[in-house]
């Protein structure tokens, strides 16, 4: 839902005609709403810095995802045979 709200704010900020349909006073100088704040970059967000875990030499790397070998099996039917016919009641 949050992604849809951000996309809608982007759409309304990019199109003054759509913004004016939503607010009749959208073209006034003192108009403030979430769309105008978003259009002018006046949004606060948390700055998050993610650092990778340090590698320790001599420590073995452990693979946490189980690895499976997928071997596809193909059913080979004789070429002179077709699918079975349903029983017809007479």
C-alpha atoms as a PDB file:
ATOM      1  CA  UNK A   1       0.000   0.000   0.000  1.00  0.00           C
ATOM      2  CA  UNK A   2       2.858   2.357   0.786  1.00  0.00           C
ATOM      3  CA  UNK A   3       4.342   1.864  -2.673  1.00  0.00           C
ATOM      4  CA  UNK A   4       0.986   2.728  -4.230  1.00  0.00           C
ATOM      5  CA  UNK A   5       0.755   5.899  -2.127  1.00  0.00           C
ATOM      6  CA  UNK A   6       4.233   6.999  -3.227  1.00  0.00           C
ATOM      7  CA  UNK A   7       3.401   6.268  -6.872  1.00  0.00           C
ATOM      8  CA  UNK A   8       0.143   8.223  -6.583  1.00  0.00           C
ATOM      9  CA  UNK A   9       1.981  11.176  -5.009  1.00  0.00           C
ATOM     10  CA  UNK A  10       4.517  11.094  -7.853  1.00  0.00           C
ATOM     11  CA  UNK A  11       1.741  11.040 -10.438  1.00  0.00           C
ATOM     12  CA  UNK A  12      -0.173  13.912  -8.849  1.00  0.00           C
ATOM     13  CA  UNK A  13       3.023  15.938  -8.318  1.00  0.00           C
ATOM     14  CA  UNK A  14       4.004  15.509 -11.969  1.00  0.00           C
ATOM     15  CA  UNK A  15       0.596  16.462 -13.347  1.00  0.00           C
ATOM     16  CA  UNK A  16      -0.749  19.852 -12.204  1.00  0.00           C
ATOM     17  CA  UNK A  17      -4.050  19.155 -13.986  1.00  0.00           C
ATOM     18  CA  UNK A  18      -4.684  16.031 -11.906  1.00  0.00           C
ATOM     19  CA  UNK A  19      -3.655  17.883  -8.753  1.00  0.00           C
ATOM     20  CA  UNK A  20      -6.082  20.692  -9.566  1.00  0.00           C
ATOM     21  CA  UNK A  21      -8.871  18.151 -10.059  1.00  0.00           C
ATOM     22  CA  UNK A  22      -8.225  16.940  -6.529  1.00  0.00           C
ATOM     23  CA  UNK A  23      -7.892  20.447  -4.993  1.00  0.00           C
ATOM     24  CA  UNK A  24      -9.557  23.507  -6.461  1.00  0.00           C
ATOM     25  CA  UNK A  25      -6.928  25.806  -4.885  1.00  0.00           C
ATOM     26  CA  UNK A  26      -3.913  23.799  -6.071  1.00  0.00           C
ATOM     27  CA  UNK A  27      -2.484  26.669  -8.161  1.00  0.00           C
ATOM     28  CA  UNK A  28      -2.441  29.178  -5.306  1.00  0.00           C
ATOM     29  CA  UNK A  29       0.944  30.199  -3.894  1.00  0.00           C
ATOM     30  CA  UNK A  30       0.141  29.301  -0.288  1.00  0.00           C
ATOM     31  CA  UNK A  31      -1.362  25.885  -1.039  1.00  0.00           C
ATOM     32  CA  UNK A  32       0.177  23.076   0.983  1.00  0.00           C
ATOM     33  CA  UNK A  33      -0.765  19.433   0.927  1.00  0.00           C
ATOM     34  CA  UNK A  34       1.076  16.107   0.791  1.00  0.00           C
ATOM     35  CA  UNK A  35       1.378  16.385  -3.000  1.00  0.00           C
ATOM     36  CA  UNK A  36       3.065  19.797  -2.961  1.00  0.00           C
ATOM     37  CA  UNK A  37       5.367  18.771  -0.115  1.00  0.00           C
ATOM     38  CA  UNK A  38       6.327  15.637  -2.035  1.00  0.00           C
ATOM     39  CA  UNK A  39       6.847  17.620  -5.249  1.00  0.00           C
ATOM     40  CA  UNK A  40       9.216  20.057  -3.516  1.00  0.00           C
ATOM     41  CA  UNK A  41      11.196  17.296  -1.797  1.00  0.00           C
ATOM     42  CA  UNK A  42      10.048  18.221   1.689  1.00  0.00           C
ATOM     43  CA  UNK A  43       9.736  14.667   2.934  1.00  0.00           C
ATOM     44  CA  UNK A  44      11.665  13.203   5.813  1.00  0.00           C
ATOM     45  CA  UNK A  45      13.091   9.749   5.648  1.00  0.00           C
ATOM     46  CA  UNK A  46      15.332   7.688   7.839  1.00  0.00           C
ATOM     47  CA  UNK A  47      18.923   7.410   6.678  1.00  0.00           C
ATOM     48  CA  UNK A  48      19.961   3.818   7.210  1.00  0.00           C
ATOM     49  CA  UNK A  49      23.501   2.637   6.606  1.00  0.00           C
ATOM     50  CA  UNK A  50      23.948  -1.090   6.225  1.00  0.00           C
ATOM     51  CA  UNK A  51      27.458  -2.415   6.479  1.00  0.00           C
ATOM     52  CA  UNK A  52      28.425  -5.932   5.440  1.00  0.00           C
ATOM     53  CA  UNK A  53      29.684  -8.318   8.083  1.00  0.00           C
ATOM     54  CA  UNK A  54      33.474  -8.383   8.270  1.00  0.00           C
ATOM     55  CA  UNK A  55      35.274 -11.435   6.912  1.00  0.00           C
ATOM     56  CA  UNK A  56      37.459 -13.170   9.442  1.00  0.00           C
ATOM     57  CA  UNK A  57      40.420 -14.996   7.838  1.00  0.00           C
ATOM     58  CA  UNK A  58      40.631 -18.619   8.866  1.00  0.00           C
ATOM     59  CA  UNK A  59      36.925 -18.855   9.576  1.00  0.00           C
ATOM     60  CA  UNK A  60      35.181 -21.250   7.181  1.00  0.00           C
ATOM     61  CA  UNK A  61      32.232 -19.906   5.250  1.00  0.00           C
ATOM     62  CA  UNK A  62      29.038 -21.804   5.929  1.00  0.00           C
ATOM     63  CA  UNK A  63      26.454 -22.037   3.177  1.00  0.00           C
ATOM     64  CA  UNK A  64      23.074 -21.544   4.851  1.00  0.00           C
ATOM     65  CA  UNK A  65      20.947 -22.376   1.828  1.00  0.00           C
ATOM     66  CA  UNK A  66      20.465 -26.098   1.230  1.00  0.00           C
ATOM     67  CA  UNK A  67      21.741 -27.111  -2.175  1.00  0.00           C
ATOM     68  CA  UNK A  68      19.811 -29.719  -4.093  1.00  0.00           C
ATOM     69  CA  UNK A  69      20.577 -31.159  -7.468  1.00  0.00           C
ATOM     70  CA  UNK A  70      17.514 -31.001  -9.674  1.00  0.00           C
ATOM     71  CA  UNK A  71      17.429 -33.838 -12.161  1.00  0.00           C
ATOM     72  CA  UNK A  72      14.517 -33.597 -14.562  1.00  0.00           C
ATOM     73  CA  UNK A  73      12.926 -36.899 -15.459  1.00  0.00           C
ATOM     74  CA  UNK A  74      11.342 -37.302 -18.840  1.00  0.00           C
ATOM     75  CA  UNK A  75       8.734 -39.944 -19.494  1.00  0.00           C
ATOM     76  CA  UNK A  76       9.342 -41.367 -22.917  1.00  0.00           C
ATOM     77  CA  UNK A  77       6.274 -42.953 -24.496  1.00  0.00           C
ATOM     78  CA  UNK A  78       6.427 -45.164 -27.560  1.00  0.00           C
ATOM     79  CA  UNK A  79       5.888 -43.135 -30.731  1.00  0.00           C
ATOM     80  CA  UNK A  80       3.237 -45.488 -32.148  1.00  0.00           C
ATOM     81  CA  UNK A  81       0.952 -45.081 -29.130  1.00  0.00           C
ATOM     82  CA  UNK A  82      -1.466 -42.250 -28.453  1.00  0.00           C
ATOM     83  CA  UNK A  83      -3.315 -41.254 -25.318  1.00  0.00           C
ATOM     84  CA  UNK A  84      -6.005 -43.652 -24.116  1.00  0.00           C
ATOM     85  CA  UNK A  85      -9.525 -43.109 -25.426  1.00  0.00           C
ATOM     86  CA  UNK A  86     -12.378 -42.699 -22.971  1.00  0.00           C
ATOM     87  CA  UNK A  87     -14.852 -45.542 -22.776  1.00  0.00           C
ATOM     88  CA  UNK A  88     -17.867 -44.832 -24.969  1.00  0.00           C
ATOM     89  CA  UNK A  89     -21.217 -46.109 -23.786  1.00  0.00           C
ATOM     90  CA  UNK A  90     -23.332 -47.472 -26.589  1.00  0.00           C
END
